[in-house]
Amino acid sequence: MATKGRKTVISAEDNKIGGFNVYRDDKNRPVYLNRRTNIGYVLSDKTKPFRTLSSRFYIGGVAMIFSFMFDLPIWLCVLIGVIACGVMEYKFLQFLNTLPQIPNFKPASRTSRLDAEAALDTNKIITKIVLFLLLAILIVLNAYQHKFTGIVLGLNWLFSVFACIFCIYEIRALLLHNKNK
């Protein structure tokens, strides 16, 4: 976000941010609302670090999956995932402390994650669709190639279903993107 004279100019990156607790204030700036403290954090010019840190739970899940690939016991894989989530949560809280705060924030409007995804370029959305679909297929193929059984096979199918759900989500974003053009 930049200031031009007295008017605030919203950057294209600011329009590409959304999620569960991301709202717009009266100046149309993206603001993260901490529901426990009712404090808003202005995200302008800090959208890239916010996107990374807001994916902290996904990163913990990925850490758990990757640690399982090294034939570690399940309890250790879960512990690694929890530690990764904890570290990312700590970094997220540190990041929030660097942002301008709005006490008792009252949101003007909400930006859904779907709207934020639809604001991306068409090529990026199509790439995500293809990658999620390939991920879903490769997870299942890998499970059968390694002859997984029981819980591990079930988890592979579960992750494959999640990848398909994300693929459908990206297709919805693409349709919304094309509708908004």
N, C-alpha and C. Protein backbone atom coordinates (compact mmCIF):
# COMPACT_ATOMS: atom_id res chain seq x y z
N MET A 1 0.85 -1.16 0.00
CA MET A 1 0.00 0.00 0.00
C MET A 1 0.91 1.23 0.00
N ALA A 2 0.50 2.23 -0.76
CA ALA A 2 1.27 3.47 -0.84
C ALA A 2 0.34 4.64 -0.60
N THR A 3 0.94 5.75 -0.26
CA THR A 3 0.15 6.95 -0.05
C THR A 3 0.45 7.92 -1.19
N LYS A 4 -0.59 8.40 -1.82
CA LYS A 4 -0.45 9.34 -2.92
C LYS A 4 -1.25 10.57 -2.55
N GLY A 5 -0.54 11.61 -2.14
CA GLY A 5 -1.24 12.78 -1.63
C GLY A 5 -1.92 12.42 -0.32
N ARG A 6 -3.20 12.63 -0.24
CA ARG A 6 -3.96 12.26 0.97
C ARG A 6 -4.68 10.94 0.80
N LYS A 7 -4.69 10.40 -0.42
CA LYS A 7 -5.42 9.17 -0.68
C LYS A 7 -4.49 7.97 -0.50
N THR A 8 -5.05 6.90 -0.02
CA THR A 8 -4.32 5.67 0.14
C THR A 8 -4.54 4.82 -1.10
N VAL A 9 -3.44 4.38 -1.72
CA VAL A 9 -3.52 3.55 -2.91
C VAL A 9 -3.29 2.11 -2.50
N ILE A 10 -4.24 1.24 -2.80
CA ILE A 10 -4.14 -0.18 -2.45
C ILE A 10 -3.35 -0.89 -3.54
N SER A 11 -2.33 -1.62 -3.14
CA SER A 11 -1.52 -2.35 -4.10
C SER A 11 -2.24 -3.62 -4.55
N ALA A 12 -1.77 -4.18 -5.64
CA ALA A 12 -2.37 -5.42 -6.15
C ALA A 12 -2.15 -6.57 -5.17
N GLU A 13 -1.02 -6.56 -4.45
CA GLU A 13 -0.75 -7.60 -3.46
C GLU A 13 -1.76 -7.56 -2.31
N ASP A 14 -2.20 -6.37 -1.93
CA ASP A 14 -3.17 -6.25 -0.85
C ASP A 14 -4.50 -6.88 -1.22
N ASN A 15 -4.85 -6.87 -2.50
CA ASN A 15 -6.10 -7.48 -2.93
C ASN A 15 -6.02 -9.00 -3.01
N LYS A 16 -4.80 -9.55 -3.00
CA LYS A 16 -4.62 -10.98 -3.13
C LYS A 16 -4.51 -11.68 -1.77
N ILE A 17 -4.88 -11.00 -0.72
CA ILE A 17 -4.76 -11.60 0.60
C ILE A 17 -6.15 -11.75 1.19
N GLY A 18 -6.39 -12.90 1.77
CA GLY A 18 -7.70 -13.15 2.37
C GLY A 18 -7.61 -14.36 3.28
N GLY A 19 -8.69 -14.70 3.92
CA GLY A 19 -8.71 -15.84 4.80
C GLY A 19 -9.77 -15.71 5.86
N PHE A 20 -9.69 -16.59 6.85
CA PHE A 20 -10.71 -16.65 7.89
C PHE A 20 -10.77 -15.37 8.71
N ASN A 21 -9.65 -14.84 9.10
CA ASN A 21 -9.63 -13.67 9.99
C ASN A 21 -9.09 -12.43 9.31
N VAL A 22 -9.16 -12.37 7.99
CA VAL A 22 -8.69 -11.20 7.25
C VAL A 22 -9.91 -10.41 6.80
N TYR A 23 -9.91 -9.15 7.19
CA TYR A 23 -11.02 -8.26 6.89
C TYR A 23 -10.48 -7.01 6.23
N ARG A 24 -11.37 -6.13 5.86
CA ARG A 24 -11.01 -4.81 5.32
C ARG A 24 -11.47 -3.76 6.31
N ASP A 25 -10.64 -2.75 6.48
CA ASP A 25 -11.07 -1.64 7.35
C ASP A 25 -11.74 -0.57 6.51
N ASP A 26 -12.03 0.56 7.11
CA ASP A 26 -12.73 1.63 6.40
C ASP A 26 -11.88 2.27 5.30
N LYS A 27 -10.58 2.04 5.32
CA LYS A 27 -9.68 2.54 4.28
C LYS A 27 -9.37 1.47 3.24
N ASN A 28 -10.07 0.33 3.30
CA ASN A 28 -9.94 -0.81 2.39
C ASN A 28 -8.58 -1.49 2.49
N ARG A 29 -7.93 -1.40 3.65
CA ARG A 29 -6.66 -2.08 3.87
C ARG A 29 -6.95 -3.47 4.43
N PRO A 30 -6.13 -4.47 4.08
CA PRO A 30 -6.32 -5.79 4.69
C PRO A 30 -5.86 -5.77 6.15
N VAL A 31 -6.70 -6.32 7.02
CA VAL A 31 -6.42 -6.32 8.45
C VAL A 31 -6.67 -7.72 8.99
N TYR A 32 -5.68 -8.27 9.71
CA TYR A 32 -5.85 -9.56 10.38
C TYR A 32 -6.45 -9.28 11.76
N LEU A 33 -7.56 -9.95 12.07
CA LEU A 33 -8.23 -9.75 13.35
C LEU A 33 -7.93 -10.92 14.27
N ASN A 34 -7.29 -10.62 15.41
CA ASN A 34 -7.09 -11.61 16.45
C ASN A 34 -8.36 -11.63 17.30
N ARG A 35 -9.14 -12.67 17.18
CA ARG A 35 -10.45 -12.72 17.82
C ARG A 35 -10.36 -12.77 19.35
N ARG A 36 -9.27 -13.34 19.87
CA ARG A 36 -9.15 -13.42 21.33
C ARG A 36 -8.94 -12.05 21.96
N THR A 37 -8.13 -11.21 21.31
CA THR A 37 -7.82 -9.90 21.88
C THR A 37 -8.61 -8.78 21.22
N ASN A 38 -9.30 -9.07 20.12
CA ASN A 38 -10.08 -8.09 19.36
C ASN A 38 -9.19 -6.95 18.86
N ILE A 39 -7.96 -7.30 18.51
CA ILE A 39 -7.01 -6.33 17.96
C ILE A 39 -6.82 -6.64 16.49
N GLY A 40 -6.88 -5.60 15.67
CA GLY A 40 -6.62 -5.74 14.25
C GLY A 40 -5.17 -5.39 13.93
N TYR A 41 -4.57 -6.12 13.02
CA TYR A 41 -3.19 -5.88 12.60
C TYR A 41 -3.21 -5.54 11.11
N VAL A 42 -2.76 -4.34 10.75
CA VAL A 42 -2.78 -3.89 9.36
C VAL A 42 -1.70 -4.64 8.58
N LEU A 43 -2.12 -5.31 7.50
CA LEU A 43 -1.21 -6.17 6.74
C LEU A 43 -0.62 -5.52 5.50
N SER A 44 -0.93 -4.28 5.24
CA SER A 44 -0.42 -3.63 4.04
C SER A 44 1.10 -3.68 4.02
N ASP A 45 1.64 -3.95 2.85
CA ASP A 45 3.08 -4.07 2.61
C ASP A 45 3.71 -5.27 3.32
N LYS A 46 2.93 -6.13 3.94
CA LYS A 46 3.46 -7.30 4.63
C LYS A 46 2.69 -8.55 4.21
N THR A 47 2.20 -8.59 2.98
CA THR A 47 1.34 -9.69 2.58
C THR A 47 2.10 -11.00 2.38
N LYS A 48 3.31 -10.94 1.85
CA LYS A 48 4.06 -12.18 1.59
C LYS A 48 4.43 -12.90 2.88
N PRO A 49 5.00 -12.21 3.90
CA PRO A 49 5.28 -12.93 5.14
C PRO A 49 4.00 -13.46 5.80
N PHE A 50 2.91 -12.71 5.69
CA PHE A 50 1.65 -13.16 6.29
C PHE A 50 1.17 -14.44 5.63
N ARG A 51 1.26 -14.51 4.30
CA ARG A 51 0.81 -15.72 3.60
C ARG A 51 1.61 -16.95 4.06
N THR A 52 2.91 -16.78 4.19
CA THR A 52 3.74 -17.90 4.63
C THR A 52 3.39 -18.31 6.06
N LEU A 53 3.32 -17.34 6.95
CA LEU A 53 3.08 -17.65 8.35
C LEU A 53 1.65 -18.08 8.63
N SER A 54 0.70 -17.67 7.80
CA SER A 54 -0.68 -18.11 8.02
C SER A 54 -0.87 -19.56 7.60
N SER A 55 0.09 -20.11 6.90
CA SER A 55 0.05 -21.53 6.51
C SER A 55 0.79 -22.40 7.51
N ARG A 56 0.91 -21.94 8.74
CA ARG A 56 1.73 -22.62 9.74
C ARG A 56 1.24 -24.04 10.03
N PHE A 57 -0.06 -24.28 9.99
CA PHE A 57 -0.57 -25.62 10.29
C PHE A 57 -0.32 -26.57 9.13
N TYR A 58 -0.37 -26.06 7.91
CA TYR A 58 -0.03 -26.88 6.75
C TYR A 58 1.44 -27.27 6.80
N ILE A 59 2.28 -26.33 7.19
CA ILE A 59 3.71 -26.59 7.26
C ILE A 59 4.00 -27.65 8.32
N GLY A 60 3.29 -27.61 9.43
CA GLY A 60 3.44 -28.65 10.46
C GLY A 60 3.03 -30.01 9.93
N GLY A 61 1.96 -30.06 9.15
CA GLY A 61 1.53 -31.33 8.54
C GLY A 61 2.54 -31.85 7.55
N VAL A 62 3.11 -30.95 6.76
CA VAL A 62 4.13 -31.36 5.79
C VAL A 62 5.37 -31.87 6.52
N ALA A 63 5.75 -31.21 7.61
CA ALA A 63 6.91 -31.68 8.39
C ALA A 63 6.65 -33.08 8.93
N MET A 64 5.42 -33.33 9.38
CA MET A 64 5.07 -34.65 9.89
C MET A 64 5.16 -35.70 8.78
N ILE A 65 4.67 -35.37 7.60
CA ILE A 65 4.69 -36.31 6.48
C ILE A 65 6.12 -36.58 6.03
N PHE A 66 6.92 -35.53 5.90
CA PHE A 66 8.30 -35.73 5.47
C PHE A 66 9.11 -36.52 6.49
N SER A 67 8.85 -36.31 7.76
CA SER A 67 9.59 -37.08 8.76
C SER A 67 9.19 -38.55 8.71
N PHE A 68 7.96 -38.84 8.32
CA PHE A 68 7.52 -40.23 8.18
C PHE A 68 8.25 -40.93 7.04
N MET A 69 8.66 -40.15 6.05
CA MET A 69 9.38 -40.72 4.90
C MET A 69 10.74 -41.28 5.31
N PHE A 70 11.26 -40.86 6.46
CA PHE A 70 12.55 -41.35 6.93
C PHE A 70 12.40 -42.53 7.89
N ASP A 71 11.27 -43.19 7.84
CA ASP A 71 10.98 -44.39 8.64
C ASP A 71 11.13 -44.14 10.14
N LEU A 72 10.72 -42.96 10.58
CA LEU A 72 10.72 -42.66 12.01
C LEU A 72 9.43 -43.20 12.62
N PRO A 73 9.44 -43.48 13.92
CA PRO A 73 8.19 -43.92 14.56
C PRO A 73 7.12 -42.84 14.46
N ILE A 74 5.85 -43.29 14.45
CA ILE A 74 4.72 -42.37 14.30
C ILE A 74 4.75 -41.29 15.38
N TRP A 75 5.03 -41.67 16.64
CA TRP A 75 4.99 -40.68 17.72
C TRP A 75 6.03 -39.58 17.49
N LEU A 76 7.18 -39.94 16.92
CA LEU A 76 8.22 -38.95 16.64
C LEU A 76 7.80 -38.05 15.47
N CYS A 77 7.14 -38.62 14.49
CA CYS A 77 6.64 -37.82 13.35
C CYS A 77 5.62 -36.79 13.84
N VAL A 78 4.71 -37.23 14.71
CA VAL A 78 3.71 -36.31 15.26
C VAL A 78 4.40 -35.23 16.09
N LEU A 79 5.39 -35.62 16.87
CA LEU A 79 6.13 -34.65 17.68
C LEU A 79 6.83 -33.61 16.80
N ILE A 80 7.43 -34.05 15.71
CA ILE A 80 8.10 -33.13 14.79
C ILE A 80 7.08 -32.17 14.18
N GLY A 81 5.90 -32.68 13.81
CA GLY A 81 4.84 -31.83 13.27
C GLY A 81 4.36 -30.81 14.29
N VAL A 82 4.20 -31.22 15.55
CA VAL A 82 3.76 -30.31 16.60
C VAL A 82 4.83 -29.25 16.87
N ILE A 83 6.08 -29.64 16.89
CA ILE A 83 7.17 -28.68 17.10
C ILE A 83 7.22 -27.68 15.95
N ALA A 84 7.05 -28.16 14.72
CA ALA A 84 7.05 -27.25 13.56
C ALA A 84 5.90 -26.25 13.67
N CYS A 85 4.71 -26.73 14.08
CA CYS A 85 3.57 -25.82 14.27
C CYS A 85 3.86 -24.81 15.38
N GLY A 86 4.47 -25.27 16.46
CA GLY A 86 4.79 -24.39 17.57
C GLY A 86 5.78 -23.30 17.18
N VAL A 87 6.81 -23.67 16.43
CA VAL A 87 7.80 -22.70 15.98
C VAL A 87 7.16 -21.68 15.05
N MET A 88 6.32 -22.17 14.13
CA MET A 88 5.66 -21.27 13.19
C MET A 88 4.67 -20.35 13.92
N GLU A 89 3.99 -20.87 14.94
CA GLU A 89 3.06 -20.03 15.72
C GLU A 89 3.83 -18.93 16.45
N TYR A 90 4.98 -19.28 17.02
CA TYR A 90 5.81 -18.30 17.70
C TYR A 90 6.27 -17.21 16.72
N LYS A 91 6.72 -17.62 15.52
CA LYS A 91 7.14 -16.65 14.51
C LYS A 91 5.97 -15.79 14.05
N PHE A 92 4.77 -16.39 13.97
CA PHE A 92 3.58 -15.64 13.58
C PHE A 92 3.25 -14.56 14.61
N LEU A 93 3.34 -14.91 15.89
CA LEU A 93 3.07 -13.94 16.95
C LEU A 93 4.12 -12.83 16.96
N GLN A 94 5.37 -13.18 16.71
CA GLN A 94 6.42 -12.16 16.60
C GLN A 94 6.15 -11.24 15.41
N PHE A 95 5.71 -11.82 14.30
CA PHE A 95 5.40 -11.03 13.11
C PHE A 95 4.25 -10.06 13.39
N LEU A 96 3.22 -10.54 14.09
CA LEU A 96 2.09 -9.66 14.39
C LEU A 96 2.51 -8.46 15.23
N ASN A 97 3.48 -8.66 16.11
CA ASN A 97 3.93 -7.55 16.96
C ASN A 97 4.65 -6.46 16.18
N THR A 98 5.09 -6.75 14.95
CA THR A 98 5.76 -5.74 14.13
C THR A 98 4.77 -4.91 13.32
N LEU A 99 3.51 -5.32 13.30
CA LEU A 99 2.50 -4.64 12.47
C LEU A 99 1.80 -3.53 13.24
N PRO A 100 1.31 -2.51 12.53
CA PRO A 100 0.48 -1.49 13.19
C PRO A 100 -0.81 -2.12 13.71
N GLN A 101 -1.21 -1.75 14.93
CA GLN A 101 -2.36 -2.36 15.58
C GLN A 101 -3.54 -1.40 15.61
N ILE A 102 -4.74 -1.99 15.54
CA ILE A 102 -5.98 -1.24 15.69
C ILE A 102 -6.75 -1.88 16.84
N PRO A 103 -6.75 -1.24 18.04
CA PRO A 103 -7.50 -1.82 19.16
C PRO A 103 -9.01 -1.76 18.90
N ASN A 104 -9.73 -2.76 19.40
CA ASN A 104 -11.19 -2.86 19.23
C ASN A 104 -11.60 -2.67 17.77
N PHE A 105 -10.95 -3.44 16.91
CA PHE A 105 -11.18 -3.33 15.47
C PHE A 105 -12.58 -3.81 15.10
N LYS A 106 -13.26 -2.99 14.32
CA LYS A 106 -14.58 -3.33 13.77
C LYS A 106 -14.42 -3.46 12.26
N PRO A 107 -14.52 -4.68 11.72
CA PRO A 107 -14.28 -4.87 10.28
C PRO A 107 -15.36 -4.22 9.42
N ALA A 108 -14.92 -3.64 8.31
CA ALA A 108 -15.85 -3.06 7.34
C ALA A 108 -16.37 -4.13 6.39
N SER A 109 -15.49 -5.00 5.93
CA SER A 109 -15.89 -6.10 5.05
C SER A 109 -14.88 -7.23 5.18
N ARG A 110 -15.28 -8.41 4.74
CA ARG A 110 -14.43 -9.59 4.83
C ARG A 110 -14.00 -10.02 3.44
N THR A 111 -12.74 -10.39 3.31
CA THR A 111 -12.23 -10.93 2.06
C THR A 111 -12.07 -12.43 2.24
N SER A 112 -12.83 -13.19 1.48
CA SER A 112 -12.73 -14.64 1.60
C SER A 112 -11.46 -15.12 0.93
N ARG A 113 -11.02 -16.29 1.30
CA ARG A 113 -9.82 -16.87 0.70
C ARG A 113 -10.08 -17.16 -0.78
N LEU A 114 -11.33 -17.52 -1.12
CA LEU A 114 -11.67 -17.78 -2.51
C LEU A 114 -11.53 -16.51 -3.35
N ASP A 115 -11.98 -15.38 -2.83
CA ASP A 115 -11.83 -14.11 -3.55
C ASP A 115 -10.35 -13.75 -3.71
N ALA A 116 -9.56 -14.02 -2.69
CA ALA A 116 -8.13 -13.74 -2.77
C ALA A 116 -7.46 -14.63 -3.82
N GLU A 117 -7.85 -15.90 -3.88
CA GLU A 117 -7.31 -16.81 -4.90
C GLU A 117 -7.74 -16.38 -6.29
N ALA A 118 -8.98 -15.92 -6.42
CA ALA A 118 -9.49 -15.49 -7.72
C ALA A 118 -8.78 -14.23 -8.21
N ALA A 119 -8.15 -13.49 -7.31
CA ALA A 119 -7.42 -12.28 -7.70
C ALA A 119 -6.05 -12.61 -8.30
N LEU A 120 -5.61 -13.86 -8.19
CA LEU A 120 -4.32 -14.25 -8.76
C LEU A 120 -4.40 -14.30 -10.28
N ASP A 121 -3.23 -14.40 -10.92
CA ASP A 121 -3.19 -14.54 -12.36
C ASP A 121 -3.78 -15.87 -12.79
N THR A 122 -4.33 -15.91 -13.98
CA THR A 122 -4.94 -17.14 -14.51
C THR A 122 -3.92 -18.27 -14.57
N ASN A 123 -2.71 -17.98 -15.00
CA ASN A 123 -1.68 -19.02 -15.12
C ASN A 123 -1.34 -19.63 -13.76
N LYS A 124 -1.30 -18.82 -12.71
CA LYS A 124 -1.00 -19.33 -11.38
C LYS A 124 -2.10 -20.26 -10.90
N ILE A 125 -3.35 -19.89 -11.16
CA ILE A 125 -4.47 -20.72 -10.72
C ILE A 125 -4.47 -22.04 -11.48
N ILE A 126 -4.23 -22.00 -12.78
CA ILE A 126 -4.19 -23.23 -13.57
C ILE A 126 -3.04 -24.11 -13.13
N THR A 127 -1.90 -23.51 -12.83
CA THR A 127 -0.76 -24.29 -12.35
C THR A 127 -1.10 -24.99 -11.04
N LYS A 128 -1.77 -24.30 -10.13
CA LYS A 128 -2.17 -24.91 -8.86
C LYS A 128 -3.14 -26.06 -9.09
N ILE A 129 -4.08 -25.89 -10.01
CA ILE A 129 -5.03 -26.97 -10.31
C ILE A 129 -4.29 -28.21 -10.78
N VAL A 130 -3.39 -28.04 -11.74
CA VAL A 130 -2.63 -29.17 -12.28
C VAL A 130 -1.78 -29.82 -11.19
N LEU A 131 -1.11 -29.01 -10.38
CA LEU A 131 -0.23 -29.56 -9.34
C LEU A 131 -1.01 -30.32 -8.27
N PHE A 132 -2.16 -29.79 -7.84
CA PHE A 132 -2.96 -30.51 -6.85
C PHE A 132 -3.49 -31.82 -7.41
N LEU A 133 -3.90 -31.81 -8.67
CA LEU A 133 -4.39 -33.04 -9.29
C LEU A 133 -3.27 -34.07 -9.41
N LEU A 134 -2.10 -33.62 -9.85
CA LEU A 134 -0.95 -34.54 -9.93
C LEU A 134 -0.54 -35.06 -8.55
N LEU A 135 -0.59 -34.20 -7.55
CA LEU A 135 -0.26 -34.62 -6.19
C LEU A 135 -1.21 -35.72 -5.73
N ALA A 136 -2.50 -35.54 -5.98
CA ALA A 136 -3.49 -36.54 -5.56
C ALA A 136 -3.21 -37.89 -6.23
N ILE A 137 -2.89 -37.86 -7.51
CA ILE A 137 -2.62 -39.10 -8.24
C ILE A 137 -1.32 -39.73 -7.76
N LEU A 138 -0.28 -38.92 -7.60
CA LEU A 138 1.03 -39.47 -7.22
C LEU A 138 1.04 -40.03 -5.80
N ILE A 139 0.27 -39.44 -4.91
CA ILE A 139 0.21 -39.98 -3.54
C ILE A 139 -0.34 -41.40 -3.55
N VAL A 140 -1.41 -41.60 -4.30
CA VAL A 140 -2.02 -42.94 -4.37
C VAL A 140 -1.10 -43.92 -5.08
N LEU A 141 -0.51 -43.49 -6.20
CA LEU A 141 0.42 -44.38 -6.91
C LEU A 141 1.61 -44.77 -6.05
N ASN A 142 2.15 -43.81 -5.31
CA ASN A 142 3.27 -44.10 -4.42
C ASN A 142 2.88 -45.09 -3.33
N ALA A 143 1.68 -44.94 -2.79
CA ALA A 143 1.22 -45.85 -1.73
C ALA A 143 1.13 -47.27 -2.24
N TYR A 144 0.61 -47.45 -3.45
CA TYR A 144 0.49 -48.81 -3.98
C TYR A 144 1.82 -49.36 -4.47
N GLN A 145 2.70 -48.49 -4.93
CA GLN A 145 4.02 -48.94 -5.36
C GLN A 145 4.83 -49.45 -4.16
N HIS A 146 4.69 -48.77 -3.02
CA HIS A 146 5.40 -49.20 -1.82
C HIS A 146 4.61 -50.25 -1.04
N LYS A 147 3.46 -50.62 -1.54
CA LYS A 147 2.62 -51.65 -0.94
C LYS A 147 2.26 -51.33 0.51
N PHE A 148 1.86 -50.08 0.74
CA PHE A 148 1.41 -49.67 2.06
C PHE A 148 0.10 -50.36 2.39
N THR A 149 -0.10 -50.63 3.67
CA THR A 149 -1.36 -51.23 4.13
C THR A 149 -1.79 -50.53 5.41
N GLY A 150 -3.00 -50.77 5.79
CA GLY A 150 -3.51 -50.28 7.07
C GLY A 150 -3.60 -48.77 7.16
N ILE A 151 -3.13 -48.25 8.28
CA ILE A 151 -3.24 -46.82 8.58
C ILE A 151 -2.48 -45.98 7.56
N VAL A 152 -1.32 -46.43 7.16
CA VAL A 152 -0.51 -45.66 6.22
C VAL A 152 -1.21 -45.53 4.88
N LEU A 153 -1.83 -46.60 4.41
CA LEU A 153 -2.58 -46.54 3.16
C LEU A 153 -3.78 -45.61 3.31
N GLY A 154 -4.44 -45.70 4.45
CA GLY A 154 -5.58 -44.81 4.71
C GLY A 154 -5.18 -43.35 4.74
N LEU A 155 -4.03 -43.06 5.36
CA LEU A 155 -3.54 -41.67 5.40
C LEU A 155 -3.18 -41.17 4.00
N ASN A 156 -2.62 -42.04 3.19
CA ASN A 156 -2.31 -41.64 1.82
C ASN A 156 -3.57 -41.30 1.05
N TRP A 157 -4.60 -42.13 1.22
CA TRP A 157 -5.88 -41.83 0.56
C TRP A 157 -6.48 -40.54 1.11
N LEU A 158 -6.35 -40.31 2.40
CA LEU A 158 -6.87 -39.09 3.01
C LEU A 158 -6.17 -37.86 2.44
N PHE A 159 -4.84 -37.92 2.33
CA PHE A 159 -4.10 -36.79 1.76
C PHE A 159 -4.46 -36.60 0.29
N SER A 160 -4.71 -37.68 -0.41
CA SER A 160 -5.12 -37.59 -1.80
C SER A 160 -6.48 -36.91 -1.92
N VAL A 161 -7.39 -37.24 -1.04
CA VAL A 161 -8.71 -36.60 -1.04
C VAL A 161 -8.56 -35.10 -0.74
N PHE A 162 -7.71 -34.74 0.22
CA PHE A 162 -7.47 -33.33 0.52
C PHE A 162 -6.90 -32.60 -0.69
N ALA A 163 -5.98 -33.24 -1.42
CA ALA A 163 -5.42 -32.63 -2.62
C ALA A 163 -6.51 -32.42 -3.67
N CYS A 164 -7.44 -33.37 -3.79
CA CYS A 164 -8.56 -33.21 -4.72
C CYS A 164 -9.48 -32.07 -4.29
N ILE A 165 -9.70 -31.94 -2.99
CA ILE A 165 -10.53 -30.84 -2.49
C ILE A 165 -9.88 -29.50 -2.80
N PHE A 166 -8.56 -29.40 -2.61
CA PHE A 166 -7.86 -28.17 -2.95
C PHE A 166 -7.91 -27.90 -4.45
N CYS A 167 -7.87 -28.96 -5.25
CA CYS A 167 -7.97 -28.81 -6.70
C CYS A 167 -9.34 -28.25 -7.06
N ILE A 168 -10.40 -28.77 -6.47
CA ILE A 168 -11.76 -28.26 -6.72
C ILE A 168 -11.87 -26.80 -6.27
N TYR A 169 -11.25 -26.49 -5.15
CA TYR A 169 -11.24 -25.12 -4.64
C TYR A 169 -10.59 -24.18 -5.66
N GLU A 170 -9.47 -24.60 -6.22
CA GLU A 170 -8.78 -23.77 -7.22
C GLU A 170 -9.60 -23.65 -8.50
N ILE A 171 -10.33 -24.71 -8.86
CA ILE A 171 -11.21 -24.62 -10.02
C ILE A 171 -12.30 -23.58 -9.78
N ARG A 172 -12.85 -23.57 -8.56
CA ARG A 172 -13.85 -22.55 -8.21
C ARG A 172 -13.24 -21.16 -8.30
N ALA A 173 -12.00 -21.01 -7.85
CA ALA A 173 -11.31 -19.71 -7.94
C ALA A 173 -11.11 -19.30 -9.39
N LEU A 174 -10.78 -20.26 -10.25
CA LEU A 174 -10.60 -19.96 -11.67
C LEU A 174 -11.92 -19.52 -12.30
N LEU A 175 -13.00 -20.21 -11.96
CA LEU A 175 -14.31 -19.82 -12.48
C LEU A 175 -14.71 -18.42 -12.01
N LEU A 176 -14.44 -18.12 -10.75
CA LEU A 176 -14.73 -16.80 -10.21
C LEU A 176 -13.84 -15.74 -10.87
N HIS A 177 -12.58 -16.10 -11.12
CA HIS A 177 -11.64 -15.20 -11.78
C HIS A 177 -12.15 -14.86 -13.19
N ASN A 178 -12.57 -15.89 -13.92
CA ASN A 178 -13.06 -15.66 -15.29
C ASN A 178 -14.37 -14.88 -15.28
N LYS A 179 -15.20 -15.09 -14.26
CA LYS A 179 -16.46 -14.36 -14.15
C LYS A 179 -16.22 -12.88 -13.86
N ASN A 180 -15.18 -12.59 -13.08
CA ASN A 180 -14.88 -11.20 -12.71
C ASN A 180 -14.18 -10.41 -13.81
N LYS A 181 -13.69 -11.11 -14.82
CA LYS A 181 -12.98 -10.41 -15.91
C LYS A 181 -13.91 -9.60 -16.75
